[in-house]
C-alpha atoms as a PDB file:
ATOM      1  CA  UNK A   1       0.000   0.000   0.000  1.00  0.00           C
ATOM      2  CA  UNK A   2       1.293   3.430  -0.928  1.00  0.00           C
ATOM      3  CA  UNK A   3       1.220   6.136   1.734  1.00  0.00           C
ATOM      4  CA  UNK A   4       2.489   9.645   2.229  1.00  0.00           C
ATOM      5  CA  UNK A   5       3.768  10.889   5.575  1.00  0.00           C
ATOM      6  CA  UNK A   6       2.648  13.987   7.401  1.00  0.00           C
ATOM      7  CA  UNK A   7       3.492  16.817   7.241  1.00  0.00           C
ATOM      8  CA  UNK A   8       5.704  16.347   4.177  1.00  0.00           C
ATOM      9  CA  UNK A   9       8.552  13.928   3.661  1.00  0.00           C
ATOM     10  CA  UNK A  10       9.421  10.920   1.474  1.00  0.00           C
ATOM     11  CA  UNK A  11       6.482   8.622   0.893  1.00  0.00           C
ATOM     12  CA  UNK A  12       6.151   5.271   2.603  1.00  0.00           C
ATOM     13  CA  UNK A  13       5.621   1.951   0.874  1.00  0.00           C
ATOM     14  CA  UNK A  14       4.028  -0.073   3.658  1.00  0.00           C
ATOM     15  CA  UNK A  15       3.382  -3.752   4.129  1.00  0.00           C
ATOM     16  CA  UNK A  16      -0.238  -4.358   3.144  1.00  0.00           C
ATOM     17  CA  UNK A  17      -2.201  -5.596   6.128  1.00  0.00           C
ATOM     18  CA  UNK A  18      -5.256  -7.825   6.044  1.00  0.00           C
ATOM     19  CA  UNK A  19      -7.425  -4.752   6.432  1.00  0.00           C
ATOM     20  CA  UNK A  20      -7.616  -2.378   3.481  1.00  0.00           C
ATOM     21  CA  UNK A  21      -7.893   1.387   3.885  1.00  0.00           C
ATOM     22  CA  UNK A  22      -9.597   3.732   1.411  1.00  0.00           C
ATOM     23  CA  UNK A  23      -7.415   6.338  -0.233  1.00  0.00           C
ATOM     24  CA  UNK A  24      -6.930   9.328   2.032  1.00  0.00           C
ATOM     25  CA  UNK A  25      -7.455   7.406   5.272  1.00  0.00           C
ATOM     26  CA  UNK A  26      -5.081   8.582   8.034  1.00  0.00           C
ATOM     27  CA  UNK A  27      -3.154   5.596   9.398  1.00  0.00           C
ATOM     28  CA  UNK A  28      -0.383   5.011  11.903  1.00  0.00           C
ATOM     29  CA  UNK A  29       2.633   3.310  10.363  1.00  0.00           C
ATOM     30  CA  UNK A  30       5.630   1.735  12.058  1.00  0.00           C
ATOM     31  CA  UNK A  31       8.410   3.122   9.901  1.00  0.00           C
ATOM     32  CA  UNK A  32      12.179   2.939  10.210  1.00  0.00           C
ATOM     33  CA  UNK A  33      12.214   6.011  12.457  1.00  0.00           C
ATOM     34  CA  UNK A  34       9.325   4.895  14.670  1.00  0.00           C
ATOM     35  CA  UNK A  35       5.538   5.318  14.638  1.00  0.00           C
ATOM     36  CA  UNK A  36       4.426   7.948  12.145  1.00  0.00           C
ATOM     37  CA  UNK A  37       1.182   9.329  10.804  1.00  0.00           C
ATOM     38  CA  UNK A  38       0.560   8.724   7.115  1.00  0.00           C
ATOM     39  CA  UNK A  39      -2.237   8.942   4.571  1.00  0.00           C
ATOM     40  CA  UNK A  40      -3.183   5.887   2.521  1.00  0.00           C
ATOM     41  CA  UNK A  41      -2.854   6.281  -1.235  1.00  0.00           C
ATOM     42  CA  UNK A  42      -4.066   2.828  -2.245  1.00  0.00           C
ATOM     43  CA  UNK A  43      -2.221  -0.167  -3.643  1.00  0.00           C
ATOM     44  CA  UNK A  44       0.556   0.450  -6.138  1.00  0.00           C
ATOM     45  CA  UNK A  45      -0.233  -0.428  -9.748  1.00  0.00           C
ATOM     46  CA  UNK A  46       1.938  -3.306 -11.072  1.00  0.00           C
ATOM     47  CA  UNK A  47       3.613  -1.069 -13.667  1.00  0.00           C
ATOM     48  CA  UNK A  48       4.069   1.984 -11.438  1.00  0.00           C
ATOM     49  CA  UNK A  49       7.599   3.245 -10.679  1.00  0.00           C
ATOM     50  CA  UNK A  50       7.292   2.241  -7.011  1.00  0.00           C
ATOM     51  CA  UNK A  51       5.490  -1.102  -7.323  1.00  0.00           C
ATOM     52  CA  UNK A  52       8.668  -3.187  -7.071  1.00  0.00           C
ATOM     53  CA  UNK A  53      10.196  -1.224  -4.202  1.00  0.00           C
ATOM     54  CA  UNK A  54      10.679  -3.001  -0.902  1.00  0.00           C
ATOM     55  CA  UNK A  55       8.243  -2.124   1.891  1.00  0.00           C
ATOM     56  CA  UNK A  56       9.629   0.444   4.333  1.00  0.00           C
ATOM     57  CA  UNK A  57       6.933   0.309   6.983  1.00  0.00           C
ATOM     58  CA  UNK A  58       3.975  -1.586   8.417  1.00  0.00           C
ATOM     59  CA  UNK A  59       0.468  -0.273   8.944  1.00  0.00           C
ATOM     60  CA  UNK A  60      -0.408  -0.529  12.620  1.00  0.00           C
ATOM     61  CA  UNK A  61      -3.938   0.864  12.683  1.00  0.00           C
ATOM     62  CA  UNK A  62      -6.238   3.558  11.440  1.00  0.00           C
ATOM     63  CA  UNK A  63      -5.380   6.866  13.093  1.00  0.00           C
ATOM     64  CA  UNK A  64      -7.542   7.830  16.056  1.00  0.00           C
ATOM     65  CA  UNK A  65      -8.624  11.397  16.918  1.00  0.00           C
ATOM     66  CA  UNK A  66      -5.930  11.305  19.611  1.00  0.00           C
ATOM     67  CA  UNK A  67      -3.308  10.390  16.990  1.00  0.00           C
ATOM     68  CA  UNK A  68      -4.400  13.275  14.775  1.00  0.00           C
ATOM     69  CA  UNK A  69      -4.311  15.705  17.691  1.00  0.00           C
ATOM     70  CA  UNK A  70      -0.851  14.477  18.698  1.00  0.00           C
ATOM     71  CA  UNK A  71       0.436  14.846  15.146  1.00  0.00           C
ATOM     72  CA  UNK A  72      -0.946  18.385  14.891  1.00  0.00           C
ATOM     73  CA  UNK A  73       0.641  19.342  18.214  1.00  0.00           C
ATOM     74  CA  UNK A  74       4.023  17.925  17.226  1.00  0.00           C
ATOM     75  CA  UNK A  75       3.881  19.594  13.819  1.00  0.00           C
ATOM     76  CA  UNK A  76       3.271  22.981  15.440  1.00  0.00           C
ATOM     77  CA  UNK A  77       6.019  22.298  17.993  1.00  0.00           C
ATOM     78  CA  UNK A  78       8.469  21.340  15.242  1.00  0.00           C
ATOM     79  CA  UNK A  79       7.697  24.596  13.429  1.00  0.00           C
ATOM     80  CA  UNK A  80       8.404  26.611  16.602  1.00  0.00           C
ATOM     81  CA  UNK A  81      11.681  24.767  17.176  1.00  0.00           C
ATOM     82  CA  UNK A  82      12.716  25.273  13.547  1.00  0.00           C
ATOM     83  CA  UNK A  83      12.478  29.060  13.781  1.00  0.00           C
ATOM     84  CA  UNK A  84      14.233  29.067  17.167  1.00  0.00           C
ATOM     85  CA  UNK A  85      17.072  26.977  15.740  1.00  0.00           C
ATOM     86  CA  UNK A  86      17.427  29.247  12.734  1.00  0.00           C
ATOM     87  CA  UNK A  87      17.824  32.217  15.084  1.00  0.00           C
ATOM     88  CA  UNK A  88      20.308  30.270  17.224  1.00  0.00           C
ATOM     89  CA  UNK A  89      22.318  29.265  14.129  1.00  0.00           C
ATOM     90  CA  UNK A  90      22.590  32.918  13.126  1.00  0.00           C
ATOM     91  CA  UNK A  91      23.714  33.828  16.645  1.00  0.00           C
ATOM     92  CA  UNK A  92      26.404  31.117  16.511  1.00  0.00           C
ATOM     93  CA  UNK A  93      27.334  32.172  12.961  1.00  0.00           C
ATOM     94  CA  UNK A  94      26.777  28.693  11.632  1.00  0.00           C
ATOM     95  CA  UNK A  95      26.582  28.511   7.837  1.00  0.00           C
ATOM     96  CA  UNK A  96      23.683  26.065   7.894  1.00  0.00           C
ATOM     97  CA  UNK A  97      20.166  25.945   6.489  1.00  0.00           C
ATOM     98  CA  UNK A  98      17.607  24.317   8.783  1.00  0.00           C
ATOM     99  CA  UNK A  99      15.327  22.619   6.268  1.00  0.00           C
ATOM    100  CA  UNK A 100      12.760  20.802   8.401  1.00  0.00           C
ATOM    101  CA  UNK A 101      12.063  19.075  11.699  1.00  0.00           C
ATOM    102  CA  UNK A 102       9.860  15.999  12.065  1.00  0.00           C
ATOM    103  CA  UNK A 103       8.796  14.127  15.201  1.00  0.00           C
ATOM    104  CA  UNK A 104       7.825  10.507  15.394  1.00  0.00           C
ATOM    105  CA  UNK A 105       4.289  10.149  16.693  1.00  0.00           C
ATOM    106  CA  UNK A 106       5.500   9.114  20.165  1.00  0.00           C
ATOM    107  CA  UNK A 107       7.804  12.173  20.369  1.00  0.00           C
ATOM    108  CA  UNK A 108      10.765   9.870  20.997  1.00  0.00           C
ATOM    109  CA  UNK A 109      12.763  11.045  17.985  1.00  0.00           C
ATOM    110  CA  UNK A 110      13.137  14.428  16.290  1.00  0.00           C
ATOM    111  CA  UNK A 111      14.718  14.310  12.842  1.00  0.00           C
ATOM    112  CA  UNK A 112      16.415  17.595  11.965  1.00  0.00           C
ATOM    113  CA  UNK A 113      17.196  17.955   8.261  1.00  0.00           C
ATOM    114  CA  UNK A 114      19.786  20.554   7.352  1.00  0.00           C
ATOM    115  CA  UNK A 115      21.923  21.675   4.446  1.00  0.00           C
ATOM    116  CA  UNK A 116      25.475  22.990   4.698  1.00  0.00           C
ATOM    117  CA  UNK A 117      28.417  23.438   2.351  1.00  0.00           C
ATOM    118  CA  UNK A 118      30.980  22.281   4.945  1.00  0.00           C
ATOM    119  CA  UNK A 119      31.039  19.826   7.820  1.00  0.00           C
ATOM    120  CA  UNK A 120      29.671  21.535  10.913  1.00  0.00           C
ATOM    121  CA  UNK A 121      29.469  20.769  14.612  1.00  0.00           C
ATOM    122  CA  UNK A 122      25.784  21.290  15.373  1.00  0.00           C
ATOM    123  CA  UNK A 123      25.871  20.098  18.957  1.00  0.00           C
ATOM    124  CA  UNK A 124      25.471  23.689  20.045  1.00  0.00           C
ATOM    125  CA  UNK A 125      21.873  23.533  18.835  1.00  0.00           C
ATOM    126  CA  UNK A 126      20.944  20.649  21.131  1.00  0.00           C
ATOM    127  CA  UNK A 127      20.538  22.909  24.146  1.00  0.00           C
ATOM    128  CA  UNK A 128      18.004  24.994  22.228  1.00  0.00           C
ATOM    129  CA  UNK A 129      16.003  21.880  21.363  1.00  0.00           C
ATOM    130  CA  UNK A 130      16.033  20.691  24.990  1.00  0.00           C
ATOM    131  CA  UNK A 131      14.028  23.783  25.968  1.00  0.00           C
ATOM    132  CA  UNK A 132      11.104  22.434  23.933  1.00  0.00           C
ATOM    133  CA  UNK A 133      11.265  18.628  23.991  1.00  0.00           C
ATOM    134  CA  UNK A 134      13.187  15.705  25.560  1.00  0.00           C
ATOM    135  CA  UNK A 135      13.137  13.837  22.226  1.00  0.00           C
ATOM    136  CA  UNK A 136      16.360  12.385  20.889  1.00  0.00           C
ATOM    137  CA  UNK A 137      17.652  14.509  18.006  1.00  0.00           C
ATOM    138  CA  UNK A 138      18.880  12.969  14.772  1.00  0.00           C
ATOM    139  CA  UNK A 139      20.754  15.357  12.468  1.00  0.00           C
ATOM    140  CA  UNK A 140      20.401  14.481   8.768  1.00  0.00           C
ATOM    141  CA  UNK A 141      22.308  16.330   6.054  1.00  0.00           C
ATOM    142  CA  UNK A 142      20.275  16.667   2.851  1.00  0.00           C
ATOM    143  CA  UNK A 143      21.127  17.817  -0.649  1.00  0.00           C
ATOM    144  CA  UNK A 144      19.111  19.803  -3.165  1.00  0.00           C
ATOM    145  CA  UNK A 145      16.983  16.829  -4.257  1.00  0.00           C
ATOM    146  CA  UNK A 146      16.227  15.827  -0.666  1.00  0.00           C
ATOM    147  CA  UNK A 147      15.197  19.411   0.119  1.00  0.00           C
ATOM    148  CA  UNK A 148      12.669  19.265  -2.712  1.00  0.00           C
ATOM    149  CA  UNK A 149      11.329  16.032  -1.194  1.00  0.00           C
ATOM    150  CA  UNK A 150      10.842  17.624   2.214  1.00  0.00           C
ATOM    151  CA  UNK A 151       9.660  21.077   1.170  1.00  0.00           C
ATOM    152  CA  UNK A 152       7.637  20.009  -1.859  1.00  0.00           C
ATOM    153  CA  UNK A 153       7.464  21.773  -5.209  1.00  0.00           C
ATOM    154  CA  UNK A 154       5.554  21.897  -8.479  1.00  0.00           C
ATOM    155  CA  UNK A 155       7.267  20.300 -11.453  1.00  0.00           C
ATOM    156  CA  UNK A 156       7.247  21.339 -15.112  1.00  0.00           C
ATOM    157  CA  UNK A 157       4.259  19.013 -15.612  1.00  0.00           C
ATOM    158  CA  UNK A 158       2.195  21.180 -13.256  1.00  0.00           C
ATOM    159  CA  UNK A 159       1.893  18.459 -10.614  1.00  0.00           C
ATOM    160  CA  UNK A 160       3.574  18.002  -7.256  1.00  0.00           C
ATOM    161  CA  UNK A 161       7.078  16.616  -7.664  1.00  0.00           C
ATOM    162  CA  UNK A 162       7.249  12.816  -7.765  1.00  0.00           C
ATOM    163  CA  UNK A 163       9.830  12.610  -4.964  1.00  0.00           C
ATOM    164  CA  UNK A 164       7.318  14.076  -2.478  1.00  0.00           C
ATOM    165  CA  UNK A 165       4.402  11.987  -3.755  1.00  0.00           C
ATOM    166  CA  UNK A 166       5.572   8.398  -4.161  1.00  0.00           C
ATOM    167  CA  UNK A 167       9.276   7.834  -4.873  1.00  0.00           C
ATOM    168  CA  UNK A 168      10.902   5.714  -2.165  1.00  0.00           C
ATOM    169  CA  UNK A 169      14.455   6.315  -3.376  1.00  0.00           C
ATOM    170  CA  UNK A 170      16.246   8.987  -5.381  1.00  0.00           C
ATOM    171  CA  UNK A 171      18.149   7.030  -8.042  1.00  0.00           C
ATOM    172  CA  UNK A 172      20.990   8.704  -9.944  1.00  0.00           C
ATOM    173  CA  UNK A 173      19.765  10.573 -13.016  1.00  0.00           C
ATOM    174  CA  UNK A 174      22.315  11.135 -15.787  1.00  0.00           C
ATOM    175  CA  UNK A 175      22.496  13.313 -18.865  1.00  0.00           C
ATOM    176  CA  UNK A 176      22.806  10.061 -20.875  1.00  0.00           C
ATOM    177  CA  UNK A 177      19.107   9.417 -20.146  1.00  0.00           C
ATOM    178  CA  UNK A 178      18.194  12.708 -21.802  1.00  0.00           C
ATOM    179  CA  UNK A 179      20.463  11.995 -24.767  1.00  0.00           C
ATOM    180  CA  UNK A 180      19.010   8.532 -25.295  1.00  0.00           C
ATOM    181  CA  UNK A 181      15.535  10.100 -25.374  1.00  0.00           C
ATOM    182  CA  UNK A 182      16.704  12.626 -27.989  1.00  0.00           C
ATOM    183  CA  UNK A 183      15.835  15.546 -25.714  1.00  0.00           C
ATOM    184  CA  UNK A 184      17.429  18.963 -26.190  1.00  0.00           C
ATOM    185  CA  UNK A 185      20.288  19.320 -23.707  1.00  0.00           C
ATOM    186  CA  UNK A 186      18.879  22.506 -22.220  1.00  0.00           C
ATOM    187  CA  UNK A 187      19.396  22.656 -18.421  1.00  0.00           C
ATOM    188  CA  UNK A 188      16.301  24.830 -18.001  1.00  0.00           C
ATOM    189  CA  UNK A 189      14.163  22.173 -19.703  1.00  0.00           C
ATOM    190  CA  UNK A 190      15.727  19.139 -18.016  1.00  0.00           C
ATOM    191  CA  UNK A 191      16.062  20.401 -14.446  1.00  0.00           C
ATOM    192  CA  UNK A 192      13.441  20.037 -11.748  1.00  0.00           C
ATOM    193  CA  UNK A 193      12.600  22.528  -8.992  1.00  0.00           C
ATOM    194  CA  UNK A 194      15.650  21.297  -7.054  1.00  0.00           C
ATOM    195  CA  UNK A 195      17.979  22.372  -9.855  1.00  0.00           C
ATOM    196  CA  UNK A 196      18.998  18.778 -10.603  1.00  0.00           C
ATOM    197  CA  UNK A 197      17.998  16.582 -13.529  1.00  0.00           C
ATOM    198  CA  UNK A 198      14.307  15.610 -13.323  1.00  0.00           C
ATOM    199  CA  UNK A 199      13.540  12.266 -11.690  1.00  0.00           C
ATOM    200  CA  UNK A 200      11.020  11.447 -14.431  1.00  0.00           C
ATOM    201  CA  UNK A 201      13.834  11.035 -16.985  1.00  0.00           C
ATOM    202  CA  UNK A 202      14.236   7.512 -15.599  1.00  0.00           C
ATOM    203  CA  UNK A 203      10.659   6.395 -16.277  1.00  0.00           C
ATOM    204  CA  UNK A 204      10.809   5.924 -20.060  1.00  0.00           C
ATOM    205  CA  UNK A 205      14.552   5.397 -20.393  1.00  0.00           C
ATOM    206  CA  UNK A 206      14.414   1.547 -20.550  1.00  0.00           C
ATOM    207  CA  UNK A 207      11.867   1.733 -23.400  1.00  0.00           C
ATOM    208  CA  UNK A 208      14.044   4.165 -25.334  1.00  0.00           C
ATOM    209  CA  UNK A 209      17.023   1.839 -24.945  1.00  0.00           C
ATOM    210  CA  UNK A 210      14.928  -0.963 -26.413  1.00  0.00           C
ATOM    211  CA  UNK A 211      13.819   1.202 -29.349  1.00  0.00           C
ATOM    212  CA  UNK A 212      17.356   2.401 -30.028  1.00  0.00           C
ATOM    213  CA  UNK A 213      18.528  -1.172 -30.505  1.00  0.00           C
ATOM    214  CA  UNK A 214      16.567  -1.277 -33.764  1.00  0.00           C
ATOM    215  CA  UNK A 215      18.040   1.989 -35.090  1.00  0.00           C
ATOM    216  CA  UNK A 216      21.413   2.685 -36.687  1.00  0.00           C
ATOM    217  CA  UNK A 217      23.749   4.818 -34.644  1.00  0.00           C
ATOM    218  CA  UNK A 218      23.983   8.518 -35.282  1.00  0.00           C
ATOM    219  CA  UNK A 219      26.896   9.186 -37.603  1.00  0.00           C
ATOM    220  CA  UNK A 220      26.469   5.874 -39.429  1.00  0.00           C
ATOM    221  CA  UNK A 221      26.621   5.910 -43.221  1.00  0.00           C
ATOM    222  CA  UNK A 222      23.640   4.158 -44.808  1.00  0.00           C
ATOM    223  CA  UNK A 223      21.625   3.882 -48.022  1.00  0.00           C
ATOM    224  CA  UNK A 224      17.860   4.091 -48.421  1.00  0.00           C
ATOM    225  CA  UNK A 225      16.792   0.890 -50.160  1.00  0.00           C
ATOM    226  CA  UNK A 226      13.731   2.526 -51.777  1.00  0.00           C
ATOM    227  CA  UNK A 227      15.296   5.644 -53.306  1.00  0.00           C
ATOM    228  CA  UNK A 228      18.904   4.522 -53.444  1.00  0.00           C
ATOM    229  CA  UNK A 229      20.042   7.714 -51.693  1.00  0.00           C
ATOM    230  CA  UNK A 230      23.113   7.300 -49.490  1.00  0.00           C
ATOM    231  CA  UNK A 231      24.382   9.540 -46.733  1.00  0.00           C
ATOM    232  CA  UNK A 232      24.941   9.957 -43.009  1.00  0.00           C
ATOM    233  CA  UNK A 233      22.429   9.413 -40.209  1.00  0.00           C
ATOM    234  CA  UNK A 234      22.246  12.716 -38.317  1.00  0.00           C
ATOM    235  CA  UNK A 235      19.243  12.303 -36.014  1.00  0.00           C
ATOM    236  CA  UNK A 236      17.179   9.471 -34.569  1.00  0.00           C
ATOM    237  CA  UNK A 237      13.431   9.355 -33.959  1.00  0.00           C
ATOM    238  CA  UNK A 238      13.005   6.257 -31.733  1.00  0.00           C
ATOM    239  CA  UNK A 239       9.238   6.543 -31.207  1.00  0.00           C
ATOM    240  CA  UNK A 240       8.574   6.823 -34.936  1.00  0.00           C
ATOM    241  CA  UNK A 241      11.244   4.295 -35.905  1.00  0.00           C
ATOM    242  CA  UNK A 242      12.733   6.818 -38.328  1.00  0.00           C
ATOM    243  CA  UNK A 243      16.007   8.658 -38.845  1.00  0.00           C
ATOM    244  CA  UNK A 244      17.183  11.810 -40.570  1.00  0.00           C
ATOM    245  CA  UNK A 245      19.562  11.055 -43.427  1.00  0.00           C
ATOM    246  CA  UNK A 246      21.761  13.758 -44.978  1.00  0.00           C
ATOM    247  CA  UNK A 247      22.458  12.484 -48.470  1.00  0.00           C
ATOM    248  CA  UNK A 248      25.681  12.925 -50.400  1.00  0.00           C
ATOM    249  CA  UNK A 249      24.133  15.787 -52.407  1.00  0.00           C
ATOM    250  CA  UNK A 250      23.254  17.669 -49.215  1.00  0.00           C
ATOM    251  CA  UNK A 251      19.562  16.825 -49.060  1.00  0.00           C
ATOM    252  CA  UNK A 252      17.874  15.977 -45.746  1.00  0.00           C
ATOM    253  CA  UNK A 253      15.514  13.020 -45.842  1.00  0.00           C
ATOM    254  CA  UNK A 254      13.405  11.480 -43.090  1.00  0.00           C
ATOM    255  CA  UNK A 255      13.244   7.740 -43.747  1.00  0.00           C
ATOM    256  CA  UNK A 256      12.085   4.616 -41.854  1.00  0.00           C
ATOM    257  CA  UNK A 257      14.987   2.839 -40.206  1.00  0.00           C
ATOM    258  CA  UNK A 258      13.710  -0.479 -41.556  1.00  0.00           C
ATOM    259  CA  UNK A 259      14.365   0.788 -45.108  1.00  0.00           C
ATOM    260  CA  UNK A 260      18.025   1.600 -44.450  1.00  0.00           C
ATOM    261  CA  UNK A 261      20.998  -0.540 -45.315  1.00  0.00           C
ATOM    262  CA  UNK A 262      23.984   0.328 -43.157  1.00  0.00           C
ATOM    263  CA  UNK A 263      27.303   0.593 -44.951  1.00  0.00           C
ATOM    264  CA  UNK A 264      29.661  -1.301 -42.712  1.00  0.00           C
ATOM    265  CA  UNK A 265      33.100   0.108 -42.185  1.00  0.00           C
ATOM    266  CA  UNK A 266      32.330   3.451 -43.843  1.00  0.00           C
ATOM    267  CA  UNK A 267      31.972   5.535 -40.665  1.00  0.00           C
ATOM    268  CA  UNK A 268      34.869   7.316 -39.105  1.00  0.00           C
ATOM    269  CA  UNK A 269      36.184   5.993 -35.821  1.00  0.00           C
ATOM    270  CA  UNK A 270      34.317   7.471 -32.850  1.00  0.00           C
ATOM    271  CA  UNK A 271      31.653   8.915 -35.154  1.00  0.00           C
ATOM    272  CA  UNK A 272      28.900   6.466 -34.300  1.00  0.00           C
ATOM    273  CA  UNK A 273      26.793   7.280 -31.298  1.00  0.00           C
ATOM    274  CA  UNK A 274      23.203   7.175 -30.098  1.00  0.00           C
ATOM    275  CA  UNK A 275      23.522  10.659 -28.606  1.00  0.00           C
END
């Protein structure tokens, strides 16, 4: 069963219990950090990006009014502590960004997420926390992508970013994925709200790799069997199964890859690529 934690942090993929919960039902989940409040999102579809991910929690019960009141109290307390810690960090001249604070539902653990360019000794902030709660404090350094998970953002698609909604892990995203999908290498178009390459580049990449196997490499010399025109493959269109062929007389033709006969050994070394 897919869930999303309160108030906002990486989603949970919980062990499905015998009892099912309608989408949106508040539930208490035993996660890796301890008991937490979450909202049921329903079972993961077999072909969804998170269907094969290992469970990271177990549903304990439907949330009671007392659980909801406790979660609201702790959320407000965490917000108060966050602003106090930011003021304390400025007073101590610590070059740190306090991103978020999250309690477990039993108030036993407080996870403090922060961002800093250099390694810092943050023990000086513990005394400030002790004025508000006896909870054990766990400091967690986060990068730009993790900050987007915690804070939330709207992606280029107009929806909430995937990392806040359902992704359990943040796999490495490379520029090769964009190249294989024949996308323009424009950082403004390929970057998410976090400033890093968009997580969704991974979703269709395996299909593009499969389609590219049936296409000649870019830079390959080939002849069109129907017209007899020969030239160099300059661009690939994997979804259409076609390529752009610049013929020897300088003409640009868009032809089906199935109608091309590759001229073996005619390409220059290092010229062939799927980029």
